[in-house]
Amino acid sequence: FSEDAVQAALLANDIGGQGRIRIRDHLLRHQQGRRSWLPAPIWR
């Protein structure tokens, strides 16, 4: 019962939506210039 309640509450807060959001921030530019060996997303 409690496990199902947590799962239901999470699904109720899935706003869905399509498209991508540009993370345009000079403070992140150095990180965004790196190539990560990790996939994105990390796991499905």
ModelCIF file with pLDDT and N, C-alpha, C, O atoms, coordinates in Angstrom:
data_MODEL
#
_entry.id   MODEL 
#
_entity.id                         1 
_entity.type                       polymer 
_entity.pdbx_number_of_molecules   1 
#
_entity_poly.entity_id                      1 
_entity_poly.type                           'polypeptide(L)' 
_entity_poly.nstd_linkage                   no 
_entity_poly.nstd_monomer                   no 
_entity_poly.pdbx_seq_one_letter_code       FSEDAVQAALLANDIGGQGRIRIRDHLLRHQQGRRSWLPAPIWR 
_entity_poly.pdbx_seq_one_letter_code_can   FSEDAVQAALLANDIGGQGRIRIRDHLLRHQQGRRSWLPAPIWR 
_entity_poly.pdbx_strand_id                 A 
#
loop_
_entity_poly_seq.entity_id 
_entity_poly_seq.num 
_entity_poly_seq.mon_id 
_entity_poly_seq.hetero 
1 1  PHE n 
1 2  SER n 
1 3  GLU n 
1 4  ASP n 
1 5  ALA n 
1 6  VAL n 
1 7  GLN n 
1 8  ALA n 
1 9  ALA n 
1 10 LEU n 
1 11 LEU n 
1 12 ALA n 
1 13 ASN n 
1 14 ASP n 
1 15 ILE n 
1 16 GLY n 
1 17 GLY n 
1 18 GLN n 
1 19 GLY n 
1 20 ARG n 
1 21 ILE n 
1 22 ARG n 
1 23 ILE n 
1 24 ARG n 
1 25 ASP n 
1 26 HIS n 
1 27 LEU n 
1 28 LEU n 
1 29 ARG n 
1 30 HIS n 
1 31 GLN n 
1 32 GLN n 
1 33 GLY n 
1 34 ARG n 
1 35 ARG n 
1 36 SER n 
1 37 TRP n 
1 38 LEU n 
1 39 PRO n 
1 40 ALA n 
1 41 PRO n 
1 42 ILE n 
1 43 TRP n 
1 44 ARG n 
#
_struct_asym.id          A 
_struct_asym.entity_id   1 
#
loop_
_ma_qa_metric.id 
_ma_qa_metric.mode 
_ma_qa_metric.name 
_ma_qa_metric.software_group_id 
_ma_qa_metric.type 
1 global pLDDT . pLDDT 
2 local  pLDDT . pLDDT 
#
_ma_qa_metric_global.metric_id      1 
_ma_qa_metric_global.metric_value   80.09 
_ma_qa_metric_global.model_id       1 
_ma_qa_metric_global.ordinal_id     1 
#
loop_
_ma_qa_metric_local.label_asym_id 
_ma_qa_metric_local.label_comp_id 
_ma_qa_metric_local.label_seq_id 
_ma_qa_metric_local.metric_id 
_ma_qa_metric_local.metric_value 
_ma_qa_metric_local.model_id 
_ma_qa_metric_local.ordinal_id 
A PHE 1  2 97.00 1 1  
A SER 2  2 97.00 1 2  
A GLU 3  2 97.00 1 3  
A ASP 4  2 97.00 1 4  
A ALA 5  2 98.00 1 5  
A VAL 6  2 98.00 1 6  
A GLN 7  2 97.00 1 7  
A ALA 8  2 97.00 1 8  
A ALA 9  2 98.00 1 9  
A LEU 10 2 97.00 1 10 
A LEU 11 2 96.00 1 11 
A ALA 12 2 97.00 1 12 
A ASN 13 2 96.00 1 13 
A ASP 14 2 95.00 1 14 
A ILE 15 2 93.00 1 15 
A GLY 16 2 84.00 1 16 
A GLY 17 2 83.00 1 17 
A GLN 18 2 87.00 1 18 
A GLY 19 2 93.00 1 19 
A ARG 20 2 95.00 1 20 
A ILE 21 2 95.00 1 21 
A ARG 22 2 93.00 1 22 
A ILE 23 2 91.00 1 23 
A ARG 24 2 86.00 1 24 
A ASP 25 2 83.00 1 25 
A HIS 26 2 79.00 1 26 
A LEU 27 2 78.00 1 27 
A LEU 28 2 82.00 1 28 
A ARG 29 2 73.00 1 29 
A HIS 30 2 72.00 1 30 
A GLN 31 2 75.00 1 31 
A GLN 32 2 73.00 1 32 
A GLY 33 2 62.00 1 33 
A ARG 34 2 61.00 1 34 
A ARG 35 2 53.00 1 35 
A SER 36 2 52.00 1 36 
A TRP 37 2 46.00 1 37 
A LEU 38 2 52.00 1 38 
A PRO 39 2 54.00 1 39 
A ALA 40 2 54.00 1 40 
A PRO 41 2 60.00 1 41 
A ILE 42 2 55.00 1 42 
A TRP 43 2 52.00 1 43 
A ARG 44 2 51.00 1 44 
#
loop_
_atom_site.group_PDB 
_atom_site.id 
_atom_site.type_symbol 
_atom_site.label_atom_id 
_atom_site.label_alt_id 
_atom_site.label_comp_id 
_atom_site.label_asym_id 
_atom_site.label_entity_id 
_atom_site.label_seq_id 
_atom_site.pdbx_PDB_ins_code 
_atom_site.Cartn_x 
_atom_site.Cartn_y 
_atom_site.Cartn_z 
_atom_site.occupancy 
_atom_site.B_iso_or_equiv 
_atom_site.pdbx_formal_charge 
_atom_site.auth_seq_id 
_atom_site.auth_comp_id 
_atom_site.auth_asym_id 
_atom_site.auth_atom_id 
_atom_site.pdbx_PDB_model_num 
ATOM 1   N N  . PHE A 1 1  ? 0.830  -1.204 0.000   1.00 97.00 ? 1  PHE A N  1 
ATOM 2   C CA . PHE A 1 1  ? 0.000  0.000  0.000   1.00 97.00 ? 1  PHE A CA 1 
ATOM 3   C C  . PHE A 1 1  ? 0.867  1.258  0.000   1.00 97.00 ? 1  PHE A C  1 
ATOM 4   O O  . PHE A 1 1  ? 0.617  2.180  -0.776  1.00 97.00 ? 1  PHE A O  1 
ATOM 5   N N  . SER A 1 2  ? 1.884  1.303  0.863   1.00 97.00 ? 2  SER A N  1 
ATOM 6   C CA . SER A 1 2  ? 2.727  2.501  0.943   1.00 97.00 ? 2  SER A CA 1 
ATOM 7   C C  . SER A 1 2  ? 3.626  2.645  -0.278  1.00 97.00 ? 2  SER A C  1 
ATOM 8   O O  . SER A 1 2  ? 3.837  3.760  -0.756  1.00 97.00 ? 2  SER A O  1 
ATOM 9   N N  . GLU A 1 3  ? 4.155  1.546  -0.788  1.00 97.00 ? 3  GLU A N  1 
ATOM 10  C CA . GLU A 1 3  ? 4.976  1.610  -1.996  1.00 97.00 ? 3  GLU A CA 1 
ATOM 11  C C  . GLU A 1 3  ? 4.146  2.106  -3.179  1.00 97.00 ? 3  GLU A C  1 
ATOM 12  O O  . GLU A 1 3  ? 4.607  2.941  -3.957  1.00 97.00 ? 3  GLU A O  1 
ATOM 13  N N  . ASP A 1 4  ? 2.939  1.599  -3.312  1.00 97.00 ? 4  ASP A N  1 
ATOM 14  C CA . ASP A 1 4  ? 2.066  2.041  -4.408  1.00 97.00 ? 4  ASP A CA 1 
ATOM 15  C C  . ASP A 1 4  ? 1.718  3.523  -4.281  1.00 97.00 ? 4  ASP A C  1 
ATOM 16  O O  . ASP A 1 4  ? 1.590  4.225  -5.284  1.00 97.00 ? 4  ASP A O  1 
ATOM 17  N N  . ALA A 1 5  ? 1.567  3.995  -3.041  1.00 98.00 ? 5  ALA A N  1 
ATOM 18  C CA . ALA A 1 5  ? 1.228  5.410  -2.835  1.00 98.00 ? 5  ALA A CA 1 
ATOM 19  C C  . ALA A 1 5  ? 2.360  6.319  -3.293  1.00 98.00 ? 5  ALA A C  1 
ATOM 20  O O  . ALA A 1 5  ? 2.109  7.363  -3.894  1.00 98.00 ? 5  ALA A O  1 
ATOM 21  N N  . VAL A 1 6  ? 3.606  5.935  -3.014  1.00 98.00 ? 6  VAL A N  1 
ATOM 22  C CA . VAL A 1 6  ? 4.756  6.720  -3.465  1.00 98.00 ? 6  VAL A CA 1 
ATOM 23  C C  . VAL A 1 6  ? 4.808  6.749  -4.990  1.00 98.00 ? 6  VAL A C  1 
ATOM 24  O O  . VAL A 1 6  ? 5.009  7.801  -5.598  1.00 98.00 ? 6  VAL A O  1 
ATOM 25  N N  . GLN A 1 7  ? 4.624  5.578  -5.597  1.00 97.00 ? 7  GLN A N  1 
ATOM 26  C CA . GLN A 1 7  ? 4.666  5.503  -7.058  1.00 97.00 ? 7  GLN A CA 1 
ATOM 27  C C  . GLN A 1 7  ? 3.551  6.339  -7.686  1.00 97.00 ? 7  GLN A C  1 
ATOM 28  O O  . GLN A 1 7  ? 3.792  7.043  -8.667  1.00 97.00 ? 7  GLN A O  1 
ATOM 29  N N  . ALA A 1 8  ? 2.346  6.274  -7.144  1.00 97.00 ? 8  ALA A N  1 
ATOM 30  C CA . ALA A 1 8  ? 1.217  7.029  -7.692  1.00 97.00 ? 8  ALA A CA 1 
ATOM 31  C C  . ALA A 1 8  ? 1.454  8.532  -7.565  1.00 97.00 ? 8  ALA A C  1 
ATOM 32  O O  . ALA A 1 8  ? 1.124  9.293  -8.475  1.00 97.00 ? 8  ALA A O  1 
ATOM 33  N N  . ALA A 1 9  ? 2.028  8.961  -6.432  1.00 98.00 ? 9  ALA A N  1 
ATOM 34  C CA . ALA A 1 9  ? 2.287  10.390 -6.235  1.00 98.00 ? 9  ALA A CA 1 
ATOM 35  C C  . ALA A 1 9  ? 3.318  10.899 -7.234  1.00 98.00 ? 9  ALA A C  1 
ATOM 36  O O  . ALA A 1 9  ? 3.199  12.021 -7.727  1.00 98.00 ? 9  ALA A O  1 
ATOM 37  N N  . LEU A 1 10 ? 4.326  10.090 -7.537  1.00 97.00 ? 10 LEU A N  1 
ATOM 38  C CA . LEU A 1 10 ? 5.319  10.485 -8.527  1.00 97.00 ? 10 LEU A CA 1 
ATOM 39  C C  . LEU A 1 10 ? 4.693  10.619 -9.909  1.00 97.00 ? 10 LEU A C  1 
ATOM 40  O O  . LEU A 1 10 ? 4.918  11.610 -10.605 1.00 97.00 ? 10 LEU A O  1 
ATOM 41  N N  . LEU A 1 11 ? 3.918  9.633  -10.300 1.00 96.00 ? 11 LEU A N  1 
ATOM 42  C CA . LEU A 1 11 ? 3.296  9.673  -11.623 1.00 96.00 ? 11 LEU A CA 1 
ATOM 43  C C  . LEU A 1 11 ? 2.329  10.844 -11.744 1.00 96.00 ? 11 LEU A C  1 
ATOM 44  O O  . LEU A 1 11 ? 2.175  11.416 -12.824 1.00 96.00 ? 11 LEU A O  1 
ATOM 45  N N  . ALA A 1 12 ? 1.681  11.201 -10.644 1.00 97.00 ? 12 ALA A N  1 
ATOM 46  C CA . ALA A 1 12 ? 0.752  12.334 -10.668 1.00 97.00 ? 12 ALA A CA 1 
ATOM 47  C C  . ALA A 1 12 ? 1.478  13.650 -10.894 1.00 97.00 ? 12 ALA A C  1 
ATOM 48  O O  . ALA A 1 12 ? 0.855  14.637 -11.287 1.00 97.00 ? 12 ALA A O  1 
ATOM 49  N N  . ASN A 1 13 ? 2.786  13.684 -10.653 1.00 96.00 ? 13 ASN A N  1 
ATOM 50  C CA . ASN A 1 13 ? 3.559  14.914 -10.826 1.00 96.00 ? 13 ASN A CA 1 
ATOM 51  C C  . ASN A 1 13 ? 4.401  14.910 -12.096 1.00 96.00 ? 13 ASN A C  1 
ATOM 52  O O  . ASN A 1 13 ? 5.293  15.741 -12.264 1.00 96.00 ? 13 ASN A O  1 
ATOM 53  N N  . ASP A 1 14 ? 4.112  13.977 -12.976 1.00 95.00 ? 14 ASP A N  1 
ATOM 54  C CA . ASP A 1 14 ? 4.755  13.967 -14.292 1.00 95.00 ? 14 ASP A CA 1 
ATOM 55  C C  . ASP A 1 14 ? 3.998  14.950 -15.182 1.00 95.00 ? 14 ASP A C  1 
ATOM 56  O O  . ASP A 1 14 ? 2.869  14.673 -15.590 1.00 95.00 ? 14 ASP A O  1 
ATOM 57  N N  . ILE A 1 15 ? 4.613  16.101 -15.487 1.00 93.00 ? 15 ILE A N  1 
ATOM 58  C CA . ILE A 1 15 ? 3.913  17.116 -16.280 1.00 93.00 ? 15 ILE A CA 1 
ATOM 59  C C  . ILE A 1 15 ? 4.011  16.844 -17.781 1.00 93.00 ? 15 ILE A C  1 
ATOM 60  O O  . ILE A 1 15 ? 3.415  17.555 -18.590 1.00 93.00 ? 15 ILE A O  1 
ATOM 61  N N  . GLY A 1 16 ? 4.776  15.798 -18.146 1.00 84.00 ? 16 GLY A N  1 
ATOM 62  C CA . GLY A 1 16 ? 4.885  15.477 -19.567 1.00 84.00 ? 16 GLY A CA 1 
ATOM 63  C C  . GLY A 1 16 ? 5.610  16.577 -20.321 1.00 84.00 ? 16 GLY A C  1 
ATOM 64  O O  . GLY A 1 16 ? 6.576  17.150 -19.820 1.00 84.00 ? 16 GLY A O  1 
ATOM 65  N N  . GLY A 1 17 ? 5.150  16.863 -21.501 1.00 83.00 ? 17 GLY A N  1 
ATOM 66  C CA . GLY A 1 17 ? 5.752  17.933 -22.294 1.00 83.00 ? 17 GLY A CA 1 
ATOM 67  C C  . GLY A 1 17 ? 6.709  17.408 -23.341 1.00 83.00 ? 17 GLY A C  1 
ATOM 68  O O  . GLY A 1 17 ? 7.301  16.341 -23.182 1.00 83.00 ? 17 GLY A O  1 
ATOM 69  N N  . GLN A 1 18 ? 6.852  18.157 -24.397 1.00 87.00 ? 18 GLN A N  1 
ATOM 70  C CA . GLN A 1 18 ? 7.734  17.809 -25.500 1.00 87.00 ? 18 GLN A CA 1 
ATOM 71  C C  . GLN A 1 18 ? 8.784  18.900 -25.664 1.00 87.00 ? 18 GLN A C  1 
ATOM 72  O O  . GLN A 1 18 ? 8.616  20.020 -25.182 1.00 87.00 ? 18 GLN A O  1 
ATOM 73  N N  . GLY A 1 19 ? 9.855  18.560 -26.339 1.00 93.00 ? 19 GLY A N  1 
ATOM 74  C CA . GLY A 1 19 ? 10.863 19.548 -26.669 1.00 93.00 ? 19 GLY A CA 1 
ATOM 75  C C  . GLY A 1 19 ? 12.014 19.561 -25.694 1.00 93.00 ? 19 GLY A C  1 
ATOM 76  O O  . GLY A 1 19 ? 12.040 18.801 -24.726 1.00 93.00 ? 19 GLY A O  1 
ATOM 77  N N  . ARG A 1 20 ? 12.971 20.438 -25.960 1.00 95.00 ? 20 ARG A N  1 
ATOM 78  C CA . ARG A 1 20 ? 14.180 20.536 -25.152 1.00 95.00 ? 20 ARG A CA 1 
ATOM 79  C C  . ARG A 1 20 ? 14.387 21.983 -24.710 1.00 95.00 ? 20 ARG A C  1 
ATOM 80  O O  . ARG A 1 20 ? 13.925 22.923 -25.356 1.00 95.00 ? 20 ARG A O  1 
ATOM 81  N N  . ILE A 1 21 ? 15.082 22.131 -23.610 1.00 95.00 ? 21 ILE A N  1 
ATOM 82  C CA . ILE A 1 21 ? 15.326 23.437 -23.015 1.00 95.00 ? 21 ILE A CA 1 
ATOM 83  C C  . ILE A 1 21 ? 16.806 23.771 -23.152 1.00 95.00 ? 21 ILE A C  1 
ATOM 84  O O  . ILE A 1 21 ? 17.675 22.981 -22.784 1.00 95.00 ? 21 ILE A O  1 
ATOM 85  N N  . ARG A 1 22 ? 17.069 24.937 -23.680 1.00 93.00 ? 22 ARG A N  1 
ATOM 86  C CA . ARG A 1 22 ? 18.442 25.382 -23.854 1.00 93.00 ? 22 ARG A CA 1 
ATOM 87  C C  . ARG A 1 22 ? 19.011 25.833 -22.511 1.00 93.00 ? 22 ARG A C  1 
ATOM 88  O O  . ARG A 1 22 ? 18.433 26.684 -21.835 1.00 93.00 ? 22 ARG A O  1 
ATOM 89  N N  . ILE A 1 23 ? 20.158 25.249 -22.131 1.00 91.00 ? 23 ILE A N  1 
ATOM 90  C CA . ILE A 1 23 ? 20.836 25.637 -20.895 1.00 91.00 ? 23 ILE A CA 1 
ATOM 91  C C  . ILE A 1 23 ? 21.951 26.608 -21.281 1.00 91.00 ? 23 ILE A C  1 
ATOM 92  O O  . ILE A 1 23 ? 23.125 26.248 -21.369 1.00 91.00 ? 23 ILE A O  1 
ATOM 93  N N  . ARG A 1 24 ? 21.537 27.842 -21.506 1.00 86.00 ? 24 ARG A N  1 
ATOM 94  C CA . ARG A 1 24 ? 22.487 28.855 -21.966 1.00 86.00 ? 24 ARG A CA 1 
ATOM 95  C C  . ARG A 1 24 ? 22.979 29.655 -20.757 1.00 86.00 ? 24 ARG A C  1 
ATOM 96  O O  . ARG A 1 24 ? 22.273 30.520 -20.238 1.00 86.00 ? 24 ARG A O  1 
ATOM 97  N N  . ASP A 1 25 ? 24.201 29.349 -20.323 1.00 83.00 ? 25 ASP A N  1 
ATOM 98  C CA . ASP A 1 25 ? 24.720 29.956 -19.098 1.00 83.00 ? 25 ASP A CA 1 
ATOM 99  C C  . ASP A 1 25 ? 26.242 29.971 -19.190 1.00 83.00 ? 25 ASP A C  1 
ATOM 100 O O  . ASP A 1 25 ? 26.871 28.918 -19.290 1.00 83.00 ? 25 ASP A O  1 
ATOM 101 N N  . HIS A 1 26 ? 26.831 31.162 -19.156 1.00 79.00 ? 26 HIS A N  1 
ATOM 102 C CA . HIS A 1 26 ? 28.289 31.239 -19.286 1.00 79.00 ? 26 HIS A CA 1 
ATOM 103 C C  . HIS A 1 26 ? 28.992 30.559 -18.119 1.00 79.00 ? 26 HIS A C  1 
ATOM 104 O O  . HIS A 1 26 ? 30.154 30.169 -18.236 1.00 79.00 ? 26 HIS A O  1 
ATOM 105 N N  . LEU A 1 27 ? 28.291 30.415 -16.988 1.00 78.00 ? 27 LEU A N  1 
ATOM 106 C CA . LEU A 1 27 ? 28.892 29.757 -15.838 1.00 78.00 ? 27 LEU A CA 1 
ATOM 107 C C  . LEU A 1 27 ? 28.990 28.245 -16.027 1.00 78.00 ? 27 LEU A C  1 
ATOM 108 O O  . LEU A 1 27 ? 29.735 27.580 -15.308 1.00 78.00 ? 27 LEU A O  1 
ATOM 109 N N  . LEU A 1 28 ? 28.246 27.698 -16.988 1.00 82.00 ? 28 LEU A N  1 
ATOM 110 C CA . LEU A 1 28 ? 28.288 26.276 -17.305 1.00 82.00 ? 28 LEU A CA 1 
ATOM 111 C C  . LEU A 1 28 ? 29.071 25.992 -18.586 1.00 82.00 ? 28 LEU A C  1 
ATOM 112 O O  . LEU A 1 28 ? 29.223 24.832 -18.969 1.00 82.00 ? 28 LEU A O  1 
ATOM 113 N N  . ARG A 1 29 ? 29.560 27.016 -19.241 1.00 73.00 ? 29 ARG A N  1 
ATOM 114 C CA . ARG A 1 29 ? 30.169 26.825 -20.560 1.00 73.00 ? 29 ARG A CA 1 
ATOM 115 C C  . ARG A 1 29 ? 31.370 25.884 -20.504 1.00 73.00 ? 29 ARG A C  1 
ATOM 116 O O  . ARG A 1 29 ? 31.560 25.059 -21.397 1.00 73.00 ? 29 ARG A O  1 
ATOM 117 N N  . HIS A 1 30 ? 32.177 26.011 -19.454 1.00 72.00 ? 30 HIS A N  1 
ATOM 118 C CA . HIS A 1 30 ? 33.357 25.144 -19.337 1.00 72.00 ? 30 HIS A CA 1 
ATOM 119 C C  . HIS A 1 30 ? 32.941 23.674 -19.237 1.00 72.00 ? 30 HIS A C  1 
ATOM 120 O O  . HIS A 1 30 ? 33.548 22.811 -19.871 1.00 72.00 ? 30 HIS A O  1 
ATOM 121 N N  . GLN A 1 31 ? 31.901 23.391 -18.435 1.00 75.00 ? 31 GLN A N  1 
ATOM 122 C CA . GLN A 1 31 ? 31.430 22.009 -18.292 1.00 75.00 ? 31 GLN A CA 1 
ATOM 123 C C  . GLN A 1 31 ? 30.832 21.500 -19.604 1.00 75.00 ? 31 GLN A C  1 
ATOM 124 O O  . GLN A 1 31 ? 31.044 20.350 -19.989 1.00 75.00 ? 31 GLN A O  1 
ATOM 125 N N  . GLN A 1 32 ? 30.086 22.367 -20.283 1.00 73.00 ? 32 GLN A N  1 
ATOM 126 C CA . GLN A 1 32 ? 29.427 21.942 -21.518 1.00 73.00 ? 32 GLN A CA 1 
ATOM 127 C C  . GLN A 1 32 ? 30.418 21.703 -22.645 1.00 73.00 ? 32 GLN A C  1 
ATOM 128 O O  . GLN A 1 32 ? 30.087 21.040 -23.627 1.00 73.00 ? 32 GLN A O  1 
ATOM 129 N N  . GLY A 1 33 ? 31.631 22.237 -22.516 1.00 62.00 ? 33 GLY A N  1 
ATOM 130 C CA . GLY A 1 33 ? 32.650 21.990 -23.520 1.00 62.00 ? 33 GLY A CA 1 
ATOM 131 C C  . GLY A 1 33 ? 33.337 20.655 -23.370 1.00 62.00 ? 33 GLY A C  1 
ATOM 132 O O  . GLY A 1 33 ? 34.107 20.249 -24.240 1.00 62.00 ? 33 GLY A O  1 
ATOM 133 N N  . ARG A 1 34 ? 33.066 19.964 -22.271 1.00 61.00 ? 34 ARG A N  1 
ATOM 134 C CA . ARG A 1 34 ? 33.669 18.654 -22.046 1.00 61.00 ? 34 ARG A CA 1 
ATOM 135 C C  . ARG A 1 34 ? 32.836 17.561 -22.704 1.00 61.00 ? 34 ARG A C  1 
ATOM 136 O O  . ARG A 1 34 ? 31.627 17.706 -22.882 1.00 61.00 ? 34 ARG A O  1 
ATOM 137 N N  . ARG A 1 35 ? 33.497 16.475 -23.059 1.00 53.00 ? 35 ARG A N  1 
ATOM 138 C CA . ARG A 1 35 ? 32.789 15.310 -23.591 1.00 53.00 ? 35 ARG A CA 1 
ATOM 139 C C  . ARG A 1 35 ? 32.777 14.241 -22.509 1.00 53.00 ? 35 ARG A C  1 
ATOM 140 O O  . ARG A 1 35 ? 33.820 13.705 -22.137 1.00 53.00 ? 35 ARG A O  1 
ATOM 141 N N  . SER A 1 36 ? 31.614 13.947 -22.022 1.00 52.00 ? 36 SER A N  1 
ATOM 142 C CA . SER A 1 36 ? 31.497 12.943 -20.966 1.00 52.00 ? 36 SER A CA 1 
ATOM 143 C C  . SER A 1 36 ? 31.468 11.551 -21.575 1.00 52.00 ? 36 SER A C  1 
ATOM 144 O O  . SER A 1 36 ? 30.863 11.331 -22.624 1.00 52.00 ? 36 SER A O  1 
ATOM 145 N N  . TRP A 1 37 ? 32.134 10.606 -20.902 1.00 46.00 ? 37 TRP A N  1 
ATOM 146 C CA . TRP A 1 37 ? 32.073 9.216  -21.357 1.00 46.00 ? 37 TRP A CA 1 
ATOM 147 C C  . TRP A 1 37 ? 30.771 8.547  -20.938 1.00 46.00 ? 37 TRP A C  1 
ATOM 148 O O  . TRP A 1 37 ? 30.489 7.422  -21.352 1.00 46.00 ? 37 TRP A O  1 
ATOM 149 N N  . LEU A 1 38 ? 29.973 9.234  -20.115 1.00 52.00 ? 38 LEU A N  1 
ATOM 150 C CA . LEU A 1 38 ? 28.708 8.664  -19.676 1.00 52.00 ? 38 LEU A CA 1 
ATOM 151 C C  . LEU A 1 38 ? 27.611 8.972  -20.683 1.00 52.00 ? 38 LEU A C  1 
ATOM 152 O O  . LEU A 1 38 ? 27.570 10.079 -21.218 1.00 52.00 ? 38 LEU A O  1 
ATOM 153 N N  . PRO A 1 39 ? 26.711 8.014  -20.958 1.00 54.00 ? 39 PRO A N  1 
ATOM 154 C CA . PRO A 1 39 ? 25.590 8.289  -21.851 1.00 54.00 ? 39 PRO A CA 1 
ATOM 155 C C  . PRO A 1 39 ? 24.591 9.236  -21.228 1.00 54.00 ? 39 PRO A C  1 
ATOM 156 O O  . PRO A 1 39 ? 24.632 9.490  -20.024 1.00 54.00 ? 39 PRO A O  1 
ATOM 157 N N  . ALA A 1 40 ? 23.698 9.758  -22.043 1.00 54.00 ? 40 ALA A N  1 
ATOM 158 C CA . ALA A 1 40 ? 22.649 10.644 -21.528 1.00 54.00 ? 40 ALA A CA 1 
ATOM 159 C C  . ALA A 1 40 ? 21.318 10.239 -22.129 1.00 54.00 ? 40 ALA A C  1 
ATOM 160 O O  . ALA A 1 40 ? 21.172 10.285 -23.350 1.00 54.00 ? 40 ALA A O  1 
ATOM 161 N N  . PRO A 1 41 ? 20.346 9.845  -21.330 1.00 60.00 ? 41 PRO A N  1 
ATOM 162 C CA . PRO A 1 41 ? 20.445 9.648  -19.885 1.00 60.00 ? 41 PRO A CA 1 
ATOM 163 C C  . PRO A 1 41 ? 21.298 8.433  -19.557 1.00 60.00 ? 41 PRO A C  1 
ATOM 164 O O  . PRO A 1 41 ? 21.576 7.610  -20.428 1.00 60.00 ? 41 PRO A O  1 
ATOM 165 N N  . ILE A 1 42 ? 21.713 8.321  -18.302 1.00 55.00 ? 42 ILE A N  1 
ATOM 166 C CA . ILE A 1 42 ? 22.614 7.259  -17.918 1.00 55.00 ? 42 ILE A CA 1 
ATOM 167 C C  . ILE A 1 42 ? 21.930 5.899  -17.980 1.00 55.00 ? 42 ILE A C  1 
ATOM 168 O O  . ILE A 1 42 ? 22.591 4.899  -18.257 1.00 55.00 ? 42 ILE A O  1 
ATOM 169 N N  . TRP A 1 43 ? 20.637 5.835  -17.733 1.00 52.00 ? 43 TRP A N  1 
ATOM 170 C CA . TRP A 1 43 ? 19.985 4.523  -17.639 1.00 52.00 ? 43 TRP A CA 1 
ATOM 171 C C  . TRP A 1 43 ? 18.512 4.646  -17.965 1.00 52.00 ? 43 TRP A C  1 
ATOM 172 O O  . TRP A 1 43 ? 17.836 5.579  -17.531 1.00 52.00 ? 43 TRP A O  1 
ATOM 173 N N  . ARG A 1 44 ? 18.029 3.691  -18.736 1.00 51.00 ? 44 ARG A N  1 
ATOM 174 C CA . ARG A 1 44 ? 16.601 3.579  -18.996 1.00 51.00 ? 44 ARG A CA 1 
ATOM 175 C C  . ARG A 1 44 ? 16.096 2.299  -18.369 1.00 51.00 ? 44 ARG A C  1 
ATOM 176 O O  . ARG A 1 44 ? 14.907 1.993  -18.462 1.00 51.00 ? 44 ARG A O  1 
#
